[in-house]
Amino acid sequence: MKIDPAVRKETIYVCIVTLILSMLMESVFLIIRQWQLSVLFGNLLGAGIGIANFFFLGLSVQKAVKSDEKKAKEILRASHAIRYALIILLVVIAVVIPSVFNLWSTLISLLFATFAVYTRALTTKGKKNGGETVAPANAASDNEGEGES
């Protein structure tokens, strides 16, 4: 299956934001003198799963768009179950092996991909149509008939 350019572009964006936030988190652990190798490993595990989760969501949506409605629902439902099972597995691994994976760095870095998605939505919201916000086409027609009777 060929990866859609939009999925690739957004995944790269999520990777960059996750990397920046991971470095910031590592710095905070250093500043508060709590940094250990387990913090790095937890960060790598959480960030990796977060990015993979986003990427597989993109692939699932890409595949679902090309399918009929019933098949699309099945694809997205299965994707959702698998991706969340992966997250649960991540948390279990971090809890069971705390000497290798710091639980806090794992959980925090897992959220970086989600943060990247929300910031992307905020930064691209005003950039559509050359930076101008445009009212929906039917908004004007809805308001025209209100005062008339």
N, C-alpha and C. Protein backbone atom coordinates (compact mmCIF):
# COMPACT_ATOMS: atom_id res chain seq x y z
N MET A 1 0.84 -1.18 0.00
CA MET A 1 0.00 0.00 0.00
C MET A 1 0.88 1.24 0.00
N LYS A 2 0.61 2.14 -0.91
CA LYS A 2 1.39 3.37 -1.01
C LYS A 2 0.90 4.36 0.04
N ILE A 3 1.86 5.00 0.69
CA ILE A 3 1.53 5.97 1.74
C ILE A 3 1.17 7.30 1.07
N ASP A 4 0.01 7.82 1.44
CA ASP A 4 -0.47 9.09 0.91
C ASP A 4 0.49 10.21 1.34
N PRO A 5 0.77 11.17 0.46
CA PRO A 5 1.67 12.27 0.82
C PRO A 5 1.19 13.07 2.04
N ALA A 6 -0.12 13.20 2.22
CA ALA A 6 -0.64 13.92 3.39
C ALA A 6 -0.32 13.17 4.68
N VAL A 7 -0.44 11.85 4.65
CA VAL A 7 -0.11 11.03 5.83
C VAL A 7 1.37 11.17 6.15
N ARG A 8 2.20 11.11 5.11
CA ARG A 8 3.64 11.25 5.30
C ARG A 8 3.98 12.63 5.88
N LYS A 9 3.40 13.68 5.30
CA LYS A 9 3.68 15.05 5.74
C LYS A 9 3.28 15.26 7.20
N GLU A 10 2.08 14.83 7.55
CA GLU A 10 1.61 15.03 8.92
C GLU A 10 2.38 14.17 9.92
N THR A 11 2.79 12.98 9.51
CA THR A 11 3.59 12.13 10.40
C THR A 11 4.96 12.76 10.65
N ILE A 12 5.55 13.36 9.63
CA ILE A 12 6.83 14.05 9.81
C ILE A 12 6.66 15.21 10.77
N TYR A 13 5.57 15.96 10.62
CA TYR A 13 5.30 17.06 11.55
C TYR A 13 5.18 16.56 12.99
N VAL A 14 4.43 15.47 13.17
CA VAL A 14 4.26 14.89 14.50
C VAL A 14 5.61 14.43 15.06
N CYS A 15 6.46 13.86 14.22
CA CYS A 15 7.80 13.42 14.65
C CYS A 15 8.63 14.61 15.12
N ILE A 16 8.60 15.70 14.37
CA ILE A 16 9.40 16.87 14.72
C ILE A 16 8.94 17.47 16.05
N VAL A 17 7.63 17.66 16.20
CA VAL A 17 7.10 18.21 17.45
C VAL A 17 7.40 17.28 18.61
N THR A 18 7.26 15.99 18.41
CA THR A 18 7.54 15.01 19.46
C THR A 18 9.02 15.05 19.84
N LEU A 19 9.90 15.18 18.87
CA LEU A 19 11.33 15.27 19.16
C LEU A 19 11.65 16.51 19.99
N ILE A 20 11.08 17.64 19.60
CA ILE A 20 11.32 18.88 20.35
C ILE A 20 10.81 18.76 21.78
N LEU A 21 9.60 18.25 21.94
CA LEU A 21 9.03 18.11 23.28
C LEU A 21 9.79 17.06 24.10
N SER A 22 10.29 16.03 23.44
CA SER A 22 11.08 15.01 24.14
C SER A 22 12.38 15.60 24.68
N MET A 23 13.02 16.42 23.87
CA MET A 23 14.26 17.07 24.33
C MET A 23 13.97 18.01 25.50
N LEU A 24 12.85 18.71 25.41
CA LEU A 24 12.46 19.60 26.50
C LEU A 24 12.20 18.81 27.78
N MET A 25 11.50 17.69 27.67
CA MET A 25 11.21 16.86 28.84
C MET A 25 12.50 16.30 29.44
N GLU A 26 13.40 15.82 28.59
CA GLU A 26 14.69 15.31 29.08
C GLU A 26 15.43 16.41 29.83
N SER A 27 15.37 17.63 29.31
CA SER A 27 16.02 18.76 29.98
C SER A 27 15.42 19.02 31.35
N VAL A 28 14.11 18.93 31.46
CA VAL A 28 13.45 19.15 32.74
C VAL A 28 13.89 18.08 33.75
N PHE A 29 13.95 16.83 33.30
CA PHE A 29 14.42 15.76 34.19
C PHE A 29 15.87 16.02 34.63
N LEU A 30 16.69 16.56 33.73
CA LEU A 30 18.07 16.91 34.10
C LEU A 30 18.11 18.04 35.11
N ILE A 31 17.30 19.08 34.88
CA ILE A 31 17.29 20.24 35.76
C ILE A 31 16.84 19.87 37.17
N ILE A 32 15.83 19.02 37.27
CA ILE A 32 15.36 18.64 38.61
C ILE A 32 16.16 17.47 39.19
N ARG A 33 17.22 17.11 38.50
CA ARG A 33 18.15 16.06 38.95
C ARG A 33 17.48 14.70 39.15
N GLN A 34 16.55 14.37 38.27
CA GLN A 34 15.87 13.07 38.32
C GLN A 34 16.16 12.24 37.09
N TRP A 35 17.08 12.72 36.25
CA TRP A 35 17.35 12.01 35.00
C TRP A 35 18.11 10.73 35.27
N GLN A 36 17.65 9.67 34.64
CA GLN A 36 18.32 8.37 34.63
C GLN A 36 18.15 7.80 33.24
N LEU A 37 18.84 6.74 32.96
CA LEU A 37 18.71 6.11 31.65
C LEU A 37 17.28 5.61 31.41
N SER A 38 16.59 5.25 32.48
CA SER A 38 15.19 4.79 32.34
C SER A 38 14.29 5.91 31.84
N VAL A 39 14.63 7.16 32.13
CA VAL A 39 13.87 8.30 31.61
C VAL A 39 14.01 8.36 30.09
N LEU A 40 15.21 8.18 29.60
CA LEU A 40 15.44 8.18 28.16
C LEU A 40 14.70 7.02 27.48
N PHE A 41 14.82 5.82 28.05
CA PHE A 41 14.16 4.66 27.47
C PHE A 41 12.63 4.81 27.49
N GLY A 42 12.09 5.33 28.59
CA GLY A 42 10.66 5.58 28.67
C GLY A 42 10.22 6.61 27.64
N ASN A 43 11.02 7.64 27.49
CA ASN A 43 10.74 8.68 26.50
C ASN A 43 10.73 8.09 25.10
N LEU A 44 11.73 7.28 24.78
CA LEU A 44 11.80 6.67 23.45
C LEU A 44 10.61 5.74 23.20
N LEU A 45 10.25 4.95 24.21
CA LEU A 45 9.13 4.02 24.06
C LEU A 45 7.81 4.78 23.89
N GLY A 46 7.54 5.73 24.76
CA GLY A 46 6.29 6.48 24.69
C GLY A 46 6.17 7.30 23.41
N ALA A 47 7.24 7.99 23.05
CA ALA A 47 7.20 8.81 21.83
C ALA A 47 7.06 7.92 20.59
N GLY A 48 7.78 6.81 20.59
CA GLY A 48 7.69 5.89 19.45
C GLY A 48 6.30 5.33 19.27
N ILE A 49 5.67 4.93 20.36
CA ILE A 49 4.31 4.40 20.29
C ILE A 49 3.32 5.51 19.89
N GLY A 50 3.52 6.71 20.40
CA GLY A 50 2.64 7.82 20.03
C GLY A 50 2.71 8.14 18.54
N ILE A 51 3.93 8.16 18.00
CA ILE A 51 4.10 8.43 16.57
C ILE A 51 3.54 7.27 15.74
N ALA A 52 3.82 6.05 16.16
CA ALA A 52 3.30 4.88 15.44
C ALA A 52 1.78 4.87 15.47
N ASN A 53 1.20 5.22 16.60
CA ASN A 53 -0.25 5.29 16.74
C ASN A 53 -0.83 6.28 15.72
N PHE A 54 -0.22 7.45 15.62
CA PHE A 54 -0.69 8.45 14.66
C PHE A 54 -0.53 7.96 13.22
N PHE A 55 0.61 7.37 12.92
CA PHE A 55 0.88 6.89 11.57
C PHE A 55 -0.11 5.81 11.16
N PHE A 56 -0.37 4.85 12.05
CA PHE A 56 -1.31 3.78 11.73
C PHE A 56 -2.74 4.30 11.62
N LEU A 57 -3.07 5.34 12.38
CA LEU A 57 -4.37 5.98 12.21
C LEU A 57 -4.49 6.58 10.81
N GLY A 58 -3.44 7.27 10.37
CA GLY A 58 -3.43 7.84 9.04
C GLY A 58 -3.58 6.78 7.95
N LEU A 59 -2.86 5.68 8.10
CA LEU A 59 -2.97 4.59 7.12
C LEU A 59 -4.37 3.99 7.12
N SER A 60 -4.96 3.85 8.30
CA SER A 60 -6.30 3.28 8.40
C SER A 60 -7.33 4.19 7.73
N VAL A 61 -7.22 5.48 7.96
CA VAL A 61 -8.15 6.42 7.34
C VAL A 61 -7.95 6.41 5.83
N GLN A 62 -6.70 6.38 5.40
CA GLN A 62 -6.39 6.31 3.97
C GLN A 62 -7.04 5.09 3.32
N LYS A 63 -6.95 3.97 3.99
CA LYS A 63 -7.54 2.73 3.47
C LYS A 63 -9.07 2.79 3.53
N ALA A 64 -9.61 3.34 4.61
CA ALA A 64 -11.06 3.40 4.78
C ALA A 64 -11.72 4.31 3.74
N VAL A 65 -11.04 5.38 3.37
CA VAL A 65 -11.59 6.31 2.40
C VAL A 65 -11.79 5.64 1.04
N LYS A 66 -10.97 4.68 0.74
CA LYS A 66 -11.04 3.98 -0.55
C LYS A 66 -12.00 2.79 -0.52
N SER A 67 -12.65 2.56 0.62
CA SER A 67 -13.55 1.42 0.78
C SER A 67 -15.00 1.89 0.84
N ASP A 68 -15.93 0.92 0.74
CA ASP A 68 -17.33 1.28 0.93
C ASP A 68 -17.58 1.53 2.41
N GLU A 69 -18.76 2.06 2.74
CA GLU A 69 -19.04 2.51 4.10
C GLU A 69 -18.93 1.39 5.14
N LYS A 70 -19.48 0.23 4.84
CA LYS A 70 -19.45 -0.88 5.80
C LYS A 70 -18.01 -1.34 6.06
N LYS A 71 -17.24 -1.50 5.00
CA LYS A 71 -15.85 -1.92 5.11
C LYS A 71 -15.03 -0.85 5.83
N ALA A 72 -15.32 0.42 5.55
CA ALA A 72 -14.60 1.52 6.19
C ALA A 72 -14.81 1.50 7.70
N LYS A 73 -16.04 1.26 8.13
CA LYS A 73 -16.32 1.18 9.57
C LYS A 73 -15.55 0.04 10.22
N GLU A 74 -15.50 -1.10 9.53
CA GLU A 74 -14.76 -2.24 10.06
C GLU A 74 -13.27 -1.93 10.17
N ILE A 75 -12.73 -1.29 9.16
CA ILE A 75 -11.30 -0.94 9.16
C ILE A 75 -10.99 0.00 10.31
N LEU A 76 -11.80 1.03 10.47
CA LEU A 76 -11.54 2.00 11.54
C LEU A 76 -11.76 1.41 12.93
N ARG A 77 -12.75 0.54 13.07
CA ARG A 77 -13.00 -0.10 14.36
C ARG A 77 -11.82 -1.01 14.74
N ALA A 78 -11.34 -1.79 13.78
CA ALA A 78 -10.20 -2.68 14.04
C ALA A 78 -8.94 -1.86 14.34
N SER A 79 -8.74 -0.80 13.59
CA SER A 79 -7.58 0.07 13.81
C SER A 79 -7.61 0.66 15.22
N HIS A 80 -8.78 1.14 15.61
CA HIS A 80 -8.94 1.72 16.94
C HIS A 80 -8.59 0.71 18.03
N ALA A 81 -9.10 -0.49 17.90
CA ALA A 81 -8.85 -1.54 18.90
C ALA A 81 -7.37 -1.89 18.97
N ILE A 82 -6.73 -2.04 17.83
CA ILE A 82 -5.31 -2.42 17.80
C ILE A 82 -4.44 -1.30 18.36
N ARG A 83 -4.74 -0.07 17.97
CA ARG A 83 -3.92 1.05 18.45
C ARG A 83 -4.04 1.24 19.95
N TYR A 84 -5.24 1.09 20.49
CA TYR A 84 -5.40 1.24 21.94
C TYR A 84 -4.84 0.04 22.70
N ALA A 85 -4.89 -1.13 22.11
CA ALA A 85 -4.24 -2.29 22.74
C ALA A 85 -2.73 -2.06 22.82
N LEU A 86 -2.17 -1.44 21.80
CA LEU A 86 -0.74 -1.11 21.79
C LEU A 86 -0.41 -0.13 22.91
N ILE A 87 -1.28 0.84 23.14
CA ILE A 87 -1.06 1.81 24.21
C ILE A 87 -1.16 1.13 25.58
N ILE A 88 -2.12 0.25 25.73
CA ILE A 88 -2.26 -0.48 27.00
C ILE A 88 -1.03 -1.34 27.24
N LEU A 89 -0.56 -1.99 26.19
CA LEU A 89 0.66 -2.80 26.30
C LEU A 89 1.85 -1.93 26.73
N LEU A 90 1.94 -0.75 26.17
CA LEU A 90 3.01 0.18 26.54
C LEU A 90 2.96 0.51 28.02
N VAL A 91 1.78 0.83 28.52
CA VAL A 91 1.65 1.18 29.93
C VAL A 91 1.99 -0.02 30.81
N VAL A 92 1.54 -1.19 30.44
CA VAL A 92 1.86 -2.40 31.21
C VAL A 92 3.37 -2.62 31.24
N ILE A 93 4.03 -2.46 30.11
CA ILE A 93 5.49 -2.64 30.06
C ILE A 93 6.17 -1.64 30.98
N ALA A 94 5.73 -0.37 30.93
CA ALA A 94 6.35 0.65 31.78
C ALA A 94 6.12 0.39 33.26
N VAL A 95 4.96 -0.18 33.61
CA VAL A 95 4.67 -0.47 35.01
C VAL A 95 5.43 -1.71 35.47
N VAL A 96 5.51 -2.72 34.63
CA VAL A 96 6.13 -4.00 35.01
C VAL A 96 7.65 -3.89 35.06
N ILE A 97 8.24 -3.07 34.22
CA ILE A 97 9.71 -2.96 34.17
C ILE A 97 10.14 -1.52 34.48
N PRO A 98 9.92 -1.04 35.70
CA PRO A 98 10.26 0.35 36.03
C PRO A 98 11.77 0.62 36.05
N SER A 99 12.57 -0.42 36.17
CA SER A 99 14.02 -0.21 36.16
C SER A 99 14.53 0.12 34.76
N VAL A 100 13.74 -0.22 33.73
CA VAL A 100 14.14 0.07 32.35
C VAL A 100 13.39 1.27 31.79
N PHE A 101 12.09 1.38 32.10
CA PHE A 101 11.26 2.45 31.55
C PHE A 101 10.65 3.27 32.69
N ASN A 102 11.02 4.54 32.77
CA ASN A 102 10.43 5.44 33.74
C ASN A 102 8.97 5.66 33.36
N LEU A 103 8.06 5.40 34.28
CA LEU A 103 6.64 5.48 33.98
C LEU A 103 6.22 6.88 33.58
N TRP A 104 6.68 7.90 34.29
CA TRP A 104 6.27 9.27 34.00
C TRP A 104 6.77 9.74 32.64
N SER A 105 8.02 9.44 32.33
CA SER A 105 8.53 9.88 31.02
C SER A 105 7.84 9.12 29.89
N THR A 106 7.47 7.88 30.15
CA THR A 106 6.76 7.09 29.14
C THR A 106 5.38 7.68 28.88
N LEU A 107 4.64 7.96 29.93
CA LEU A 107 3.28 8.47 29.78
C LEU A 107 3.26 9.89 29.21
N ILE A 108 4.16 10.72 29.69
CA ILE A 108 4.21 12.10 29.19
C ILE A 108 4.56 12.13 27.70
N SER A 109 5.57 11.36 27.32
CA SER A 109 5.98 11.39 25.91
C SER A 109 4.95 10.75 25.00
N LEU A 110 4.13 9.89 25.53
CA LEU A 110 3.03 9.31 24.74
C LEU A 110 2.04 10.39 24.31
N LEU A 111 1.91 11.43 25.12
CA LEU A 111 0.98 12.52 24.82
C LEU A 111 1.52 13.53 23.82
N PHE A 112 2.81 13.47 23.53
CA PHE A 112 3.41 14.47 22.62
C PHE A 112 2.80 14.43 21.23
N ALA A 113 2.50 13.27 20.71
CA ALA A 113 1.91 13.16 19.37
C ALA A 113 0.52 13.79 19.37
N THR A 114 -0.24 13.56 20.42
CA THR A 114 -1.57 14.17 20.53
C THR A 114 -1.45 15.69 20.59
N PHE A 115 -0.50 16.18 21.35
CA PHE A 115 -0.26 17.62 21.44
C PHE A 115 0.10 18.18 20.06
N ALA A 116 0.92 17.44 19.31
CA ALA A 116 1.31 17.89 17.97
C ALA A 116 0.10 17.98 17.05
N VAL A 117 -0.81 17.03 17.15
CA VAL A 117 -2.01 17.05 16.31
C VAL A 117 -2.86 18.27 16.63
N TYR A 118 -3.04 18.58 17.92
CA TYR A 118 -3.84 19.74 18.30
C TYR A 118 -3.17 21.05 17.90
N THR A 119 -1.87 21.15 18.06
CA THR A 119 -1.20 22.39 17.66
C THR A 119 -1.24 22.56 16.15
N ARG A 120 -1.17 21.46 15.41
CA ARG A 120 -1.26 21.53 13.95
C ARG A 120 -2.64 22.05 13.54
N ALA A 121 -3.66 21.58 14.21
CA ALA A 121 -5.02 22.03 13.91
C ALA A 121 -5.18 23.53 14.19
N LEU A 122 -4.57 24.01 15.27
CA LEU A 122 -4.66 25.42 15.61
C LEU A 122 -3.87 26.30 14.64
N THR A 123 -2.69 25.82 14.24
CA THR A 123 -1.85 26.64 13.37
C THR A 123 -2.32 26.66 11.93
N THR A 124 -3.02 25.64 11.48
CA THR A 124 -3.50 25.62 10.10
C THR A 124 -4.91 26.16 9.97
N LYS A 125 -5.60 26.40 11.06
CA LYS A 125 -6.98 26.86 11.02
C LYS A 125 -7.11 28.20 10.29
N GLY A 126 -6.25 29.15 10.60
CA GLY A 126 -6.32 30.47 9.99
C GLY A 126 -5.60 30.57 8.66
N LYS A 127 -4.84 29.56 8.27
CA LYS A 127 -4.06 29.62 7.04
C LYS A 127 -4.84 29.18 5.81
N LYS A 128 -6.01 28.60 6.00
CA LYS A 128 -6.81 28.17 4.85
C LYS A 128 -7.31 29.41 4.11
N ASN A 129 -7.38 29.33 2.81
CA ASN A 129 -7.85 30.41 1.95
C ASN A 129 -7.01 31.67 2.11
N GLY A 130 -5.70 31.51 2.18
CA GLY A 130 -4.79 32.65 2.23
C GLY A 130 -4.82 33.42 3.53
N GLY A 131 -5.20 32.79 4.61
CA GLY A 131 -5.18 33.45 5.91
C GLY A 131 -6.50 34.12 6.25
N GLU A 132 -7.42 34.19 5.31
CA GLU A 132 -8.70 34.82 5.57
C GLU A 132 -9.68 33.77 6.08
N THR A 133 -10.46 34.17 7.04
CA THR A 133 -11.49 33.25 7.49
C THR A 133 -12.72 33.48 6.64
N VAL A 134 -13.27 32.45 6.11
CA VAL A 134 -14.39 32.54 5.19
C VAL A 134 -15.60 31.88 5.84
N ALA A 135 -16.72 32.58 5.77
CA ALA A 135 -17.95 32.02 6.31
C ALA A 135 -18.45 30.94 5.37
N PRO A 136 -19.14 29.94 5.90
CA PRO A 136 -19.70 28.91 5.03
C PRO A 136 -20.63 29.53 3.99
N ALA A 137 -20.73 28.90 2.84
CA ALA A 137 -21.51 29.42 1.72
C ALA A 137 -22.99 29.58 2.07
N ASN A 138 -23.50 28.70 2.90
CA ASN A 138 -24.93 28.77 3.21
C ASN A 138 -25.24 29.71 4.36
N ALA A 139 -24.23 30.30 5.00
CA ALA A 139 -24.47 31.19 6.14
C ALA A 139 -25.22 32.44 5.72
N ALA A 140 -24.87 33.02 4.58
CA ALA A 140 -25.53 34.24 4.13
C ALA A 140 -26.98 33.96 3.76
N SER A 141 -27.24 32.85 3.10
CA SER A 141 -28.60 32.54 2.69
C SER A 141 -29.49 32.20 3.88
N ASP A 142 -28.90 31.68 4.95
CA ASP A 142 -29.69 31.36 6.13
C ASP A 142 -30.19 32.62 6.83
N ASN A 143 -29.37 33.67 6.83
CA ASN A 143 -29.72 34.89 7.55
C ASN A 143 -30.62 35.81 6.72
N GLU A 144 -30.66 35.67 5.42
CA GLU A 144 -31.42 36.59 4.59
C GLU A 144 -32.92 36.50 4.82
N GLY A 145 -33.44 35.33 5.03
CA GLY A 145 -34.88 35.16 5.11
C GLY A 145 -35.45 35.34 6.50
N GLU A 146 -34.63 35.70 7.50
CA GLU A 146 -35.12 35.79 8.87
C GLU A 146 -36.06 36.95 9.10
N GLY A 147 -35.78 38.12 8.50
CA GLY A 147 -36.59 39.30 8.77
C GLY A 147 -37.78 39.39 7.84
N GLU A 148 -37.90 38.51 6.89
CA GLU A 148 -38.97 38.60 5.90
C GLU A 148 -40.10 37.63 6.25
N SER A 149 -41.31 38.08 6.04
CA SER A 149 -42.48 37.19 6.20
C SER A 149 -43.66 37.77 5.50
